Amino acid sequence: EQLVESGGGLVQAGGSLTLSCAASGFAFEDHAIGWFRQAPGKEREVVACISTKTYFGDSVKGRFSISRDNAKSSAYLQMNNLKPEDTGVYYCAAASACGSADYLYDYWGQGTQVTVSS
């Protein structure tokens, strides 16, 4: 079972990035996919999740969107109007259902760095 994130990088405040999460080795279509982030010195937090519905953390509502393509076993996080506080390592993870707790997720990617400069 494997999840691989890509698409991170350095962007100026107000800019956009799209993160991708490619899955293999498990039934992608049967899993919810969550995107988490961890800023330096802070706990990892969920920013978005997609199953049959979508869920967003309060800090990203209206700026981020999440989608998935089951045919490609991939999920995406579109991030618009980025702020310096969005900086962190972003992880995708798979679970049986969306939730905010780390322990709900069975598979994790290695993370991709997003840095937003002011």
PDB file of N, CA and C in Angstrom:
ATOM      1  N   GLU A   1       0.842  -1.180   0.000  1.00  0.00           N
ATOM      2  CA  GLU A   1       0.000   0.000   0.000  1.00  0.00           C
ATOM      3  C   GLU A   1       0.887   1.244   0.000  1.00  0.00           C
ATOM      4  N   GLN A   2       0.582   2.154  -0.903  1.00  0.00           N
ATOM      5  CA  GLN A   2       1.445   3.316  -1.047  1.00  0.00           C
ATOM      6  C   GLN A   2       0.646   4.537  -1.483  1.00  0.00           C
ATOM      7  N   LEU A   3       1.008   5.691  -0.898  1.00  0.00           N
ATOM      8  CA  LEU A   3       0.483   6.979  -1.317  1.00  0.00           C
ATOM      9  C   LEU A   3       1.676   7.883  -1.570  1.00  0.00           C
ATOM     10  N   VAL A   4       1.654   8.583  -2.692  1.00  0.00           N
ATOM     11  CA  VAL A   4       2.755   9.461  -3.051  1.00  0.00           C
ATOM     12  C   VAL A   4       2.201  10.832  -3.388  1.00  0.00           C
ATOM     13  N   GLU A   5       2.629  11.841  -2.613  1.00  0.00           N
ATOM     14  CA  GLU A   5       2.205  13.215  -2.864  1.00  0.00           C
ATOM     15  C   GLU A   5       3.191  13.901  -3.812  1.00  0.00           C
ATOM     16  N   SER A   6       2.675  14.860  -4.539  1.00  0.00           N
ATOM     17  CA  SER A   6       3.521  15.701  -5.388  1.00  0.00           C
ATOM     18  C   SER A   6       2.848  17.047  -5.557  1.00  0.00           C
ATOM     19  N   GLY A   7       3.623  18.017  -6.041  1.00  0.00           N
ATOM     20  CA  GLY A   7       3.058  19.316  -6.347  1.00  0.00           C
ATOM     21  C   GLY A   7       3.379  20.416  -5.371  1.00  0.00           C
ATOM     22  N   GLY A   8       4.076  20.085  -4.296  1.00  0.00           N
ATOM     23  CA  GLY A   8       4.444  21.126  -3.352  1.00  0.00           C
ATOM     24  C   GLY A   8       5.491  22.059  -3.920  1.00  0.00           C
ATOM     25  N   GLY A   9       5.759  23.135  -3.195  1.00  0.00           N
ATOM     26  CA  GLY A   9       6.765  24.082  -3.643  1.00  0.00           C
ATOM     27  C   GLY A   9       6.669  25.385  -2.903  1.00  0.00           C
ATOM     28  N   LEU A  10       7.342  26.381  -3.445  1.00  0.00           N
ATOM     29  CA  LEU A  10       7.367  27.723  -2.883  1.00  0.00           C
ATOM     30  C   LEU A  10       6.453  28.622  -3.710  1.00  0.00           C
ATOM     31  N   VAL A  11       5.592  29.348  -3.038  1.00  0.00           N
ATOM     32  CA  VAL A  11       4.653  30.228  -3.728  1.00  0.00           C
ATOM     33  C   VAL A  11       4.475  31.488  -2.904  1.00  0.00           C
ATOM     34  N   GLN A  12       4.186  32.586  -3.566  1.00  0.00           N
ATOM     35  CA  GLN A  12       3.931  33.833  -2.854  1.00  0.00           C
ATOM     36  C   GLN A  12       2.513  33.838  -2.304  1.00  0.00           C
ATOM     37  N   ALA A  13       2.313  34.601  -1.260  1.00  0.00           N
ATOM     38  CA  ALA A  13       0.982  34.765  -0.695  1.00  0.00           C
ATOM     39  C   ALA A  13       0.018  35.227  -1.782  1.00  0.00           C
ATOM     40  N   GLY A  14      -1.172  34.646  -1.778  1.00  0.00           N
ATOM     41  CA  GLY A  14      -2.160  34.943  -2.800  1.00  0.00           C
ATOM     42  C   GLY A  14      -2.103  34.008  -3.985  1.00  0.00           C
ATOM     43  N   GLY A  15      -1.052  33.219  -4.059  1.00  0.00           N
ATOM     44  CA  GLY A  15      -0.887  32.301  -5.175  1.00  0.00           C
ATOM     45  C   GLY A  15      -1.635  30.996  -4.974  1.00  0.00           C
ATOM     46  N   SER A  16      -1.442  30.082  -5.921  1.00  0.00           N
ATOM     47  CA  SER A  16      -2.147  28.808  -5.919  1.00  0.00           C
ATOM     48  C   SER A  16      -1.173  27.656  -6.145  1.00  0.00           C
ATOM     49  N   LEU A  17      -1.551  26.513  -5.621  1.00  0.00           N
ATOM     50  CA  LEU A  17      -0.834  25.261  -5.869  1.00  0.00           C
ATOM     51  C   LEU A  17      -1.856  24.139  -5.934  1.00  0.00           C
ATOM     52  N   THR A  18      -1.534  23.116  -6.685  1.00  0.00           N
ATOM     53  CA  THR A  18      -2.347  21.904  -6.697  1.00  0.00           C
ATOM     54  C   THR A  18      -1.482  20.730  -6.274  1.00  0.00           C
ATOM     55  N   LEU A  19      -1.890  20.059  -5.230  1.00  0.00           N
ATOM     56  CA  LEU A  19      -1.206  18.872  -4.766  1.00  0.00           C
ATOM     57  C   LEU A  19      -1.894  17.638  -5.336  1.00  0.00           C
ATOM     58  N   SER A  20      -1.100  16.627  -5.649  1.00  0.00           N
ATOM     59  CA  SER A  20      -1.628  15.366  -6.140  1.00  0.00           C
ATOM     60  C   SER A  20      -1.234  14.243  -5.200  1.00  0.00           C
ATOM     61  N   CYS A  21      -2.075  13.243  -5.143  1.00  0.00           N
ATOM     62  CA  CYS A  21      -1.822  12.071  -4.301  1.00  0.00           C
ATOM     63  C   CYS A  21      -2.118  10.841  -5.155  1.00  0.00           C
ATOM     64  N   ALA A  22      -1.091  10.064  -5.447  1.00  0.00           N
ATOM     65  CA  ALA A  22      -1.245   8.863  -6.262  1.00  0.00           C
ATOM     66  C   ALA A  22      -1.192   7.640  -5.363  1.00  0.00           C
ATOM     67  N   ALA A  23      -2.187   6.785  -5.479  1.00  0.00           N
ATOM     68  CA  ALA A  23      -2.305   5.615  -4.610  1.00  0.00           C
ATOM     69  C   ALA A  23      -2.055   4.327  -5.380  1.00  0.00           C
ATOM     70  N   SER A  24      -1.581   3.338  -4.674  1.00  0.00           N
ATOM     71  CA  SER A  24      -1.410   2.012  -5.260  1.00  0.00           C
ATOM     72  C   SER A  24      -1.431   0.968  -4.156  1.00  0.00           C
ATOM     73  N   GLY A  25      -1.800  -0.242  -4.527  1.00  0.00           N
ATOM     74  CA  GLY A  25      -1.724  -1.363  -3.602  1.00  0.00           C
ATOM     75  C   GLY A  25      -2.926  -1.581  -2.705  1.00  0.00           C
ATOM     76  N   PHE A  26      -3.982  -0.773  -2.883  1.00  0.00           N
ATOM     77  CA  PHE A  26      -5.205  -0.993  -2.110  1.00  0.00           C
ATOM     78  C   PHE A  26      -6.390  -0.482  -2.923  1.00  0.00           C
ATOM     79  N   ALA A  27      -7.581  -0.788  -2.455  1.00  0.00           N
ATOM     80  CA  ALA A  27      -8.800  -0.410  -3.178  1.00  0.00           C
ATOM     81  C   ALA A  27      -9.101   1.067  -2.953  1.00  0.00           C
ATOM     82  N   PHE A  28      -8.503   1.897  -3.777  1.00  0.00           N
ATOM     83  CA  PHE A  28      -8.609   3.355  -3.613  1.00  0.00           C
ATOM     84  C   PHE A  28     -10.062   3.811  -3.557  1.00  0.00           C
ATOM     85  N   GLU A  29     -10.876   3.253  -4.424  1.00  0.00           N
ATOM     86  CA  GLU A  29     -12.256   3.727  -4.522  1.00  0.00           C
ATOM     87  C   GLU A  29     -13.068   3.433  -3.269  1.00  0.00           C
ATOM     88  N   ASP A  30     -12.623   2.538  -2.434  1.00  0.00           N
ATOM     89  CA  ASP A  30     -13.332   2.180  -1.200  1.00  0.00           C
ATOM     90  C   ASP A  30     -12.874   2.994   0.004  1.00  0.00           C
ATOM     91  N   HIS A  31     -11.958   3.924  -0.212  1.00  0.00           N
ATOM     92  CA  HIS A  31     -11.388   4.681   0.892  1.00  0.00           C
ATOM     93  C   HIS A  31     -11.674   6.177   0.770  1.00  0.00           C
ATOM     94  N   ALA A  32     -11.855   6.794   1.914  1.00  0.00           N
ATOM     95  CA  ALA A  32     -11.835   8.246   1.990  1.00  0.00           C
ATOM     96  C   ALA A  32     -10.388   8.710   1.938  1.00  0.00           C
ATOM     97  N   ILE A  33     -10.160   9.850   1.309  1.00  0.00           N
ATOM     98  CA  ILE A  33      -8.815  10.410   1.232  1.00  0.00           C
ATOM     99  C   ILE A  33      -8.791  11.748   1.949  1.00  0.00           C
ATOM    100  N   GLY A  34      -7.904  11.855   2.896  1.00  0.00           N
ATOM    101  CA  GLY A  34      -7.740  13.091   3.640  1.00  0.00           C
ATOM    102  C   GLY A  34      -6.423  13.759   3.314  1.00  0.00           C
ATOM    103  N   TRP A  35      -6.429  15.072   3.387  1.00  0.00           N
ATOM    104  CA  TRP A  35      -5.198  15.850   3.287  1.00  0.00           C
ATOM    105  C   TRP A  35      -4.943  16.479   4.656  1.00  0.00           C
ATOM    106  N   PHE A  36      -3.758  16.282   5.165  1.00  0.00           N
ATOM    107  CA  PHE A  36      -3.323  16.841   6.432  1.00  0.00           C
ATOM    108  C   PHE A  36      -2.145  17.779   6.189  1.00  0.00           C
ATOM    109  N   ARG A  37      -1.895  18.633   7.130  1.00  0.00           N
ATOM    110  CA  ARG A  37      -0.674  19.444   7.075  1.00  0.00           C
ATOM    111  C   ARG A  37      -0.096  19.554   8.482  1.00  0.00           C
ATOM    112  N   GLN A  38       1.221  19.726   8.497  1.00  0.00           N
ATOM    113  CA  GLN A  38       1.920  19.933   9.757  1.00  0.00           C
ATOM    114  C   GLN A  38       2.893  21.079   9.598  1.00  0.00           C
ATOM    115  N   ALA A  39       2.645  22.129  10.348  1.00  0.00           N
ATOM    116  CA  ALA A  39       3.528  23.293  10.351  1.00  0.00           C
ATOM    117  C   ALA A  39       4.614  23.085  11.393  1.00  0.00           C
ATOM    118  N   PRO A  40       5.742  23.747  11.248  1.00  0.00           N
ATOM    119  CA  PRO A  40       6.821  23.593  12.230  1.00  0.00           C
ATOM    120  C   PRO A  40       6.348  23.901  13.636  1.00  0.00           C
ATOM    121  N   GLY A  41       6.593  22.976  14.549  1.00  0.00           N
ATOM    122  CA  GLY A  41       6.238  23.195  15.942  1.00  0.00           C
ATOM    123  C   GLY A  41       4.772  23.013  16.266  1.00  0.00           C
ATOM    124  N   LYS A  42       3.996  22.572  15.267  1.00  0.00           N
ATOM    125  CA  LYS A  42       2.559  22.395  15.501  1.00  0.00           C
ATOM    126  C   LYS A  42       2.138  20.958  15.234  1.00  0.00           C
ATOM    127  N   GLU A  43       0.997  20.600  15.744  1.00  0.00           N
ATOM    128  CA  GLU A  43       0.467  19.260  15.510  1.00  0.00           C
ATOM    129  C   GLU A  43      -0.092  19.153  14.085  1.00  0.00           C
ATOM    130  N   ARG A  44      -0.097  17.941  13.590  1.00  0.00           N
ATOM    131  CA  ARG A  44      -0.672  17.700  12.271  1.00  0.00           C
ATOM    132  C   ARG A  44      -2.184  17.909  12.349  1.00  0.00           C
ATOM    133  N   GLU A  45      -2.745  18.567  11.350  1.00  0.00           N
ATOM    134  CA  GLU A  45      -4.174  18.847  11.332  1.00  0.00           C
ATOM    135  C   GLU A  45      -4.754  18.465   9.977  1.00  0.00           C
ATOM    136  N   VAL A  46      -6.009  18.067   9.990  1.00  0.00           N
ATOM    137  CA  VAL A  46      -6.676  17.746   8.737  1.00  0.00           C
ATOM    138  C   VAL A  46      -7.120  19.040   8.078  1.00  0.00           C
ATOM    139  N   VAL A  47      -6.919  19.155   6.773  1.00  0.00           N
ATOM    140  CA  VAL A  47      -7.377  20.337   6.050  1.00  0.00           C
ATOM    141  C   VAL A  47      -8.557  20.027   5.149  1.00  0.00           C
ATOM    142  N   ALA A  48      -8.643  18.790   4.657  1.00  0.00           N
ATOM    143  CA  ALA A  48      -9.746  18.429   3.772  1.00  0.00           C
ATOM    144  C   ALA A  48      -9.845  16.917   3.686  1.00  0.00           C
ATOM    145  N   CYS A  49     -11.030  16.452   3.344  1.00  0.00           N
ATOM    146  CA  CYS A  49     -11.232  15.017   3.174  1.00  0.00           C
ATOM    147  C   CYS A  49     -12.341  14.801   2.159  1.00  0.00           C
ATOM    148  N   ILE A  50     -12.223  13.716   1.405  1.00  0.00           N
ATOM    149  CA  ILE A  50     -13.234  13.400   0.409  1.00  0.00           C
ATOM    150  C   ILE A  50     -13.585  11.924   0.497  1.00  0.00           C
ATOM    151  N   SER A  51     -14.877  11.679   0.576  1.00  0.00           N
ATOM    152  CA  SER A  51     -15.392  10.318   0.451  1.00  0.00           C
ATOM    153  C   SER A  51     -16.488  10.420  -0.598  1.00  0.00           C
ATOM    154  N   THR A  52     -17.740  10.242  -0.197  1.00  0.00           N
ATOM    155  CA  THR A  52     -18.853  10.583  -1.082  1.00  0.00           C
ATOM    156  C   THR A  52     -19.203  12.057  -0.928  1.00  0.00           C
ATOM    157  N   LYS A  53     -18.683  12.670   0.109  1.00  0.00           N
ATOM    158  CA  LYS A  53     -18.852  14.102   0.365  1.00  0.00           C
ATOM    159  C   LYS A  53     -17.467  14.704   0.574  1.00  0.00           C
ATOM    160  N   THR A  54     -17.444  16.008   0.704  1.00  0.00           N
ATOM    161  CA  THR A  54     -16.183  16.693   0.997  1.00  0.00           C
ATOM    162  C   THR A  54     -16.282  17.435   2.320  1.00  0.00           C
ATOM    163  N   TYR A  55     -15.165  17.536   3.008  1.00  0.00           N
ATOM    164  CA  TYR A  55     -15.079  18.212   4.298  1.00  0.00           C
ATOM    165  C   TYR A  55     -13.835  19.093   4.293  1.00  0.00           C
ATOM    166  N   PHE A  56     -13.937  20.232   4.956  1.00  0.00           N
ATOM    167  CA  PHE A  56     -12.808  21.155   4.988  1.00  0.00           C
ATOM    168  C   PHE A  56     -12.605  21.697   6.388  1.00  0.00           C
ATOM    169  N   GLY A  57     -11.342  21.903   6.734  1.00  0.00           N
ATOM    170  CA  GLY A  57     -11.050  22.584   7.969  1.00  0.00           C
ATOM    171  C   GLY A  57     -11.467  24.035   7.884  1.00  0.00           C
ATOM    172  N   ASP A  58     -11.778  24.629   9.014  1.00  0.00           N
ATOM    173  CA  ASP A  58     -12.282  26.000   9.024  1.00  0.00           C
ATOM    174  C   ASP A  58     -11.284  26.978   8.404  1.00  0.00           C
ATOM    175  N   SER A  59     -10.011  26.734   8.585  1.00  0.00           N
ATOM    176  CA  SER A  59      -9.013  27.688   8.120  1.00  0.00           C
ATOM    177  C   SER A  59      -8.853  27.699   6.598  1.00  0.00           C
ATOM    178  N   VAL A  60      -9.380  26.703   5.917  1.00  0.00           N
ATOM    179  CA  VAL A  60      -9.184  26.628   4.471  1.00  0.00           C
ATOM    180  C   VAL A  60     -10.497  26.702   3.688  1.00  0.00           C
ATOM    181  N   LYS A  61     -11.619  26.752   4.385  1.00  0.00           N
ATOM    182  CA  LYS A  61     -12.907  26.807   3.698  1.00  0.00           C
ATOM    183  C   LYS A  61     -12.977  28.024   2.778  1.00  0.00           C
ATOM    184  N   GLY A  62     -13.446  27.782   1.564  1.00  0.00           N
ATOM    185  CA  GLY A  62     -13.550  28.862   0.590  1.00  0.00           C
ATOM    186  C   GLY A  62     -12.279  29.094  -0.200  1.00  0.00           C
ATOM    187  N   ARG A  63     -11.170  28.498   0.216  1.00  0.00           N
ATOM    188  CA  ARG A  63      -9.894  28.682  -0.492  1.00  0.00           C
ATOM    189  C   ARG A  63      -9.377  27.376  -1.104  1.00  0.00           C
ATOM    190  N   PHE A  64      -9.618  26.278  -0.447  1.00  0.00           N
ATOM    191  CA  PHE A  64      -9.139  24.968  -0.907  1.00  0.00           C
ATOM    192  C   PHE A  64     -10.309  24.156  -1.450  1.00  0.00           C
ATOM    193  N   SER A  65     -10.009  23.310  -2.420  1.00  0.00           N
ATOM    194  CA  SER A  65     -10.984  22.333  -2.887  1.00  0.00           C
ATOM    195  C   SER A  65     -10.291  20.985  -3.019  1.00  0.00           C
ATOM    196  N   ILE A  66     -11.075  19.933  -2.922  1.00  0.00           N
ATOM    197  CA  ILE A  66     -10.540  18.579  -2.971  1.00  0.00           C
ATOM    198  C   ILE A  66     -11.314  17.787  -4.010  1.00  0.00           C
ATOM    199  N   SER A  67     -10.628  16.931  -4.714  1.00  0.00           N
ATOM    200  CA  SER A  67     -11.280  16.102  -5.721  1.00  0.00           C
ATOM    201  C   SER A  67     -10.549  14.768  -5.797  1.00  0.00           C
ATOM    202  N   ARG A  68     -11.155  13.841  -6.498  1.00  0.00           N
ATOM    203  CA  ARG A  68     -10.524  12.541  -6.682  1.00  0.00           C
ATOM    204  C   ARG A  68     -10.900  11.985  -8.048  1.00  0.00           C
ATOM    205  N   ASP A  69     -10.055  11.134  -8.567  1.00  0.00           N
ATOM    206  CA  ASP A  69     -10.299  10.437  -9.811  1.00  0.00           C
ATOM    207  C   ASP A  69     -10.055   8.956  -9.529  1.00  0.00           C
ATOM    208  N   ASN A  70     -11.112   8.220  -9.293  1.00  0.00           N
ATOM    209  CA  ASN A  70     -10.960   6.811  -8.922  1.00  0.00           C
ATOM    210  C   ASN A  70     -10.338   5.996 -10.052  1.00  0.00           C
ATOM    211  N   ALA A  71     -10.580   6.379 -11.285  1.00  0.00           N
ATOM    212  CA  ALA A  71      -9.997   5.654 -12.415  1.00  0.00           C
ATOM    213  C   ALA A  71      -8.476   5.755 -12.424  1.00  0.00           C
ATOM    214  N   LYS A  72      -7.968   6.856 -11.865  1.00  0.00           N
ATOM    215  CA  LYS A  72      -6.514   7.054 -11.800  1.00  0.00           C
ATOM    216  C   LYS A  72      -5.958   6.793 -10.406  1.00  0.00           C
ATOM    217  N   SER A  73      -6.826   6.382  -9.486  1.00  0.00           N
ATOM    218  CA  SER A  73      -6.399   6.165  -8.094  1.00  0.00           C
ATOM    219  C   SER A  73      -5.648   7.389  -7.569  1.00  0.00           C
ATOM    220  N   SER A  74      -6.222   8.550  -7.809  1.00  0.00           N
ATOM    221  CA  SER A  74      -5.559   9.784  -7.433  1.00  0.00           C
ATOM    222  C   SER A  74      -6.536  10.753  -6.776  1.00  0.00           C
ATOM    223  N   ALA A  75      -5.981  11.580  -5.933  1.00  0.00           N
ATOM    224  CA  ALA A  75      -6.738  12.649  -5.288  1.00  0.00           C
ATOM    225  C   ALA A  75      -5.943  13.948  -5.429  1.00  0.00           C
ATOM    226  N   TYR A  76      -6.658  15.053  -5.313  1.00  0.00           N
ATOM    227  CA  TYR A  76      -6.035  16.346  -5.566  1.00  0.00           C
ATOM    228  C   TYR A  76      -6.496  17.356  -4.523  1.00  0.00           C
ATOM    229  N   LEU A  77      -5.621  18.277  -4.192  1.00  0.00           N
ATOM    230  CA  LEU A  77      -5.968  19.386  -3.306  1.00  0.00           C
ATOM    231  C   LEU A  77      -5.602  20.670  -4.033  1.00  0.00           C
ATOM    232  N   GLN A  78      -6.608  21.411  -4.432  1.00  0.00           N
ATOM    233  CA  GLN A  78      -6.409  22.696  -5.090  1.00  0.00           C
ATOM    234  C   GLN A  78      -6.402  23.768  -4.016  1.00  0.00           C
ATOM    235  N   MET A  79      -5.301  24.500  -3.934  1.00  0.00           N
ATOM    236  CA  MET A  79      -5.143  25.514  -2.893  1.00  0.00           C
ATOM    237  C   MET A  79      -5.026  26.874  -3.544  1.00  0.00           C
ATOM    238  N   ASN A  80      -5.987  27.740  -3.237  1.00  0.00           N
ATOM    239  CA  ASN A  80      -6.011  29.095  -3.794  1.00  0.00           C
ATOM    240  C   ASN A  80      -5.856  30.118  -2.690  1.00  0.00           C
ATOM    241  N   ASN A  81      -5.479  31.316  -3.077  1.00  0.00           N
ATOM    242  CA  ASN A  81      -5.324  32.421  -2.133  1.00  0.00           C
ATOM    243  C   ASN A  81      -4.497  31.972  -0.927  1.00  0.00           C
ATOM    244  N   LEU A  82      -3.362  31.392  -1.197  1.00  0.00           N
ATOM    245  CA  LEU A  82      -2.520  30.848  -0.137  1.00  0.00           C
ATOM    246  C   LEU A  82      -1.998  31.937   0.781  1.00  0.00           C
ATOM    247  N   LYS A  83      -1.869  31.584   2.044  1.00  0.00           N
ATOM    248  CA  LYS A  83      -1.389  32.490   3.080  1.00  0.00           C
ATOM    249  C   LYS A  83      -0.128  31.913   3.714  1.00  0.00           C
ATOM    250  N   PRO A  84       0.705  32.748   4.305  1.00  0.00           N
ATOM    251  CA  PRO A  84       1.903  32.218   4.965  1.00  0.00           C
ATOM    252  C   PRO A  84       1.589  31.144   6.004  1.00  0.00           C
ATOM    253  N   GLU A  85       0.449  31.261   6.660  1.00  0.00           N
ATOM    254  CA  GLU A  85       0.083  30.257   7.669  1.00  0.00           C
ATOM    255  C   GLU A  85      -0.320  28.915   7.065  1.00  0.00           C
ATOM    256  N   ASP A  86      -0.406  28.833   5.755  1.00  0.00           N
ATOM    257  CA  ASP A  86      -0.639  27.542   5.095  1.00  0.00           C
ATOM    258  C   ASP A  86       0.665  26.747   4.924  1.00  0.00           C
ATOM    259  N   THR A  87       1.764  27.341   5.264  1.00  0.00           N
ATOM    260  CA  THR A  87       3.056  26.668   5.142  1.00  0.00           C
ATOM    261  C   THR A  87       3.118  25.426   6.010  1.00  0.00           C
ATOM    262  N   GLY A  88       3.660  24.359   5.447  1.00  0.00           N
ATOM    263  CA  GLY A  88       3.825  23.130   6.202  1.00  0.00           C
ATOM    264  C   GLY A  88       4.071  21.954   5.271  1.00  0.00           C
ATOM    265  N   VAL A  89       4.199  20.800   5.859  1.00  0.00           N
ATOM    266  CA  VAL A  89       4.291  19.567   5.089  1.00  0.00           C
ATOM    267  C   VAL A  89       2.876  19.013   4.943  1.00  0.00           C
ATOM    268  N   TYR A  90       2.502  18.747   3.716  1.00  0.00           N
ATOM    269  CA  TYR A  90       1.157  18.252   3.421  1.00  0.00           C
ATOM    270  C   TYR A  90       1.219  16.756   3.130  1.00  0.00           C
ATOM    271  N   TYR A  91       0.333  16.034   3.773  1.00  0.00           N
ATOM    272  CA  TYR A  91       0.262  14.586   3.636  1.00  0.00           C
ATOM    273  C   TYR A  91      -1.112  14.176   3.120  1.00  0.00           C
ATOM    274  N   CYS A  92      -1.168  13.169   2.283  1.00  0.00           N
ATOM    275  CA  CYS A  92      -2.443  12.538   1.994  1.00  0.00           C
ATOM    276  C   CYS A  92      -2.484  11.206   2.731  1.00  0.00           C
ATOM    277  N   ALA A  93      -3.693  10.786   3.058  1.00  0.00           N
ATOM    278  CA  ALA A  93      -3.884   9.574   3.842  1.00  0.00           C
ATOM    279  C   ALA A  93      -5.217   8.948   3.472  1.00  0.00           C
ATOM    280  N   ALA A  94      -5.312   7.640   3.665  1.00  0.00           N
ATOM    281  CA  ALA A  94      -6.516   6.897   3.305  1.00  0.00           C
ATOM    282  C   ALA A  94      -7.141   6.266   4.538  1.00  0.00           C
ATOM    283  N   ALA A  95      -8.467   6.345   4.591  1.00  0.00           N
ATOM    284  CA  ALA A  95      -9.221   5.796   5.717  1.00  0.00           C
ATOM    285  C   ALA A  95     -10.532   5.212   5.230  1.00  0.00           C
ATOM    286  N   SER A  96     -11.217   4.504   6.112  1.00  0.00           N
ATOM    287  CA  SER A  96     -12.510   3.951   5.728  1.00  0.00           C
ATOM    288  C   SER A  96     -13.582   5.041   5.669  1.00  0.00           C
ATOM    289  N   ALA A  97     -13.359   6.119   6.408  1.00  0.00           N
ATOM    290  CA  ALA A  97     -14.294   7.240   6.393  1.00  0.00           C
ATOM    291  C   ALA A  97     -13.537   8.497   6.789  1.00  0.00           C
ATOM    292  N   CYS A  98     -14.053   9.654   6.398  1.00  0.00           N
ATOM    293  CA  CYS A  98     -13.401  10.908   6.759  1.00  0.00           C
ATOM    294  C   CYS A  98     -13.474  11.152   8.264  1.00  0.00           C
ATOM    295  N   GLY A  99     -12.437  11.751   8.779  1.00  0.00           N
ATOM    296  CA  GLY A  99     -12.373  12.124  10.177  1.00  0.00           C
ATOM    297  C   GLY A  99     -11.156  12.985  10.420  1.00  0.00           C
ATOM    298  N   SER A 100     -11.096  13.600  11.581  1.00  0.00           N
ATOM    299  CA  SER A 100      -9.995  14.518  11.870  1.00  0.00           C
ATOM    300  C   SER A 100      -8.848  13.865  12.631  1.00  0.00           C
ATOM    301  N   ALA A 101      -9.042  12.670  13.137  1.00  0.00           N
ATOM    302  CA  ALA A 101      -8.015  12.024  13.946  1.00  0.00           C
ATOM    303  C   ALA A 101      -7.060  11.191  13.097  1.00  0.00           C
ATOM    304  N   ASP A 102      -5.774  11.353  13.387  1.00  0.00           N
ATOM    305  CA  ASP A 102      -4.741  10.614  12.646  1.00  0.00           C
ATOM    306  C   ASP A 102      -4.979   9.108  12.657  1.00  0.00           C
ATOM    307  N   TYR A 103      -5.400   8.585  13.803  1.00  0.00           N
ATOM    308  CA  TYR A 103      -5.464   7.140  13.973  1.00  0.00           C
ATOM    309  C   TYR A 103      -6.534   6.488  13.092  1.00  0.00           C
ATOM    310  N   LEU A 104      -7.414   7.309  12.523  1.00  0.00           N
ATOM    311  CA  LEU A 104      -8.446   6.761  11.637  1.00  0.00           C
ATOM    312  C   LEU A 104      -7.884   6.344  10.281  1.00  0.00           C
ATOM    313  N   TYR A 105      -6.696   6.855   9.956  1.00  0.00           N
ATOM    314  CA  TYR A 105      -6.153   6.685   8.612  1.00  0.00           C
ATOM    315  C   TYR A 105      -5.147   5.535   8.586  1.00  0.00           C
ATOM    316  N   ASP A 106      -5.344   4.639   7.638  1.00  0.00           N
ATOM    317  CA  ASP A 106      -4.543   3.419   7.568  1.00  0.00           C
ATOM    318  C   ASP A 106      -3.249   3.610   6.784  1.00  0.00           C
ATOM    319  N   TYR A 107      -3.292   4.406   5.742  1.00  0.00           N
ATOM    320  CA  TYR A 107      -2.134   4.565   4.858  1.00  0.00           C
ATOM    321  C   TYR A 107      -1.800   6.046   4.746  1.00  0.00           C
ATOM    322  N   TRP A 108      -0.504   6.317   4.695  1.00  0.00           N
ATOM    323  CA  TRP A 108      -0.006   7.698   4.637  1.00  0.00           C
ATOM    324  C   TRP A 108       1.062   7.840   3.575  1.00  0.00           C
ATOM    325  N   GLY A 109       1.087   9.025   2.947  1.00  0.00           N
ATOM    326  CA  GLY A 109       2.193   9.355   2.069  1.00  0.00           C
ATOM    327  C   GLY A 109       3.355   9.922   2.862  1.00  0.00           C
ATOM    328  N   GLN A 110       4.402  10.251   2.149  1.00  0.00           N
ATOM    329  CA  GLN A 110       5.629  10.742   2.799  1.00  0.00           C
ATOM    330  C   GLN A 110       5.612  12.246   3.010  1.00  0.00           C
ATOM    331  N   GLY A 111       4.674  12.921   2.378  1.00  0.00           N
ATOM    332  CA  GLY A 111       4.535  14.362   2.562  1.00  0.00           C
ATOM    333  C   GLY A 111       5.214  15.165   1.471  1.00  0.00           C
ATOM    334  N   THR A 112       4.692  16.360   1.248  1.00  0.00           N
ATOM    335  CA  THR A 112       5.290  17.298   0.307  1.00  0.00           C
ATOM    336  C   THR A 112       5.270  18.683   0.953  1.00  0.00           C
ATOM    337  N   GLN A 113       6.367  19.407   0.810  1.00  0.00           N
ATOM    338  CA  GLN A 113       6.507  20.701   1.474  1.00  0.00           C
ATOM    339  C   GLN A 113       5.823  21.798   0.674  1.00  0.00           C
ATOM    340  N   VAL A 114       5.042  22.598   1.372  1.00  0.00           N
ATOM    341  CA  VAL A 114       4.440  23.806   0.801  1.00  0.00           C
ATOM    342  C   VAL A 114       4.928  24.986   1.628  1.00  0.00           C
ATOM    343  N   THR A 115       5.520  25.947   0.956  1.00  0.00           N
ATOM    344  CA  THR A 115       6.000  27.144   1.626  1.00  0.00           C
ATOM    345  C   THR A 115       5.379  28.356   0.964  1.00  0.00           C
ATOM    346  N   VAL A 116       4.715  29.179   1.765  1.00  0.00           N
ATOM    347  CA  VAL A 116       4.068  30.379   1.260  1.00  0.00           C
ATOM    348  C   VAL A 116       4.806  31.589   1.823  1.00  0.00           C
ATOM    349  N   SER A 117       5.368  32.381   0.944  1.00  0.00           N
ATOM    350  CA  SER A 117       6.126  33.551   1.379  1.00  0.00           C
ATOM    351  C   SER A 117       5.218  34.776   1.408  1.00  0.00           C
ATOM    352  N   SER A 118       5.540  35.658   2.346  1.00  0.00           N
ATOM    353  CA  SER A 118       4.703  36.871   2.486  1.00  0.00           C
ATOM    354  C   SER A 118       5.217  38.002   1.624  1.00  0.00           C
TER     355      SER A 118
END
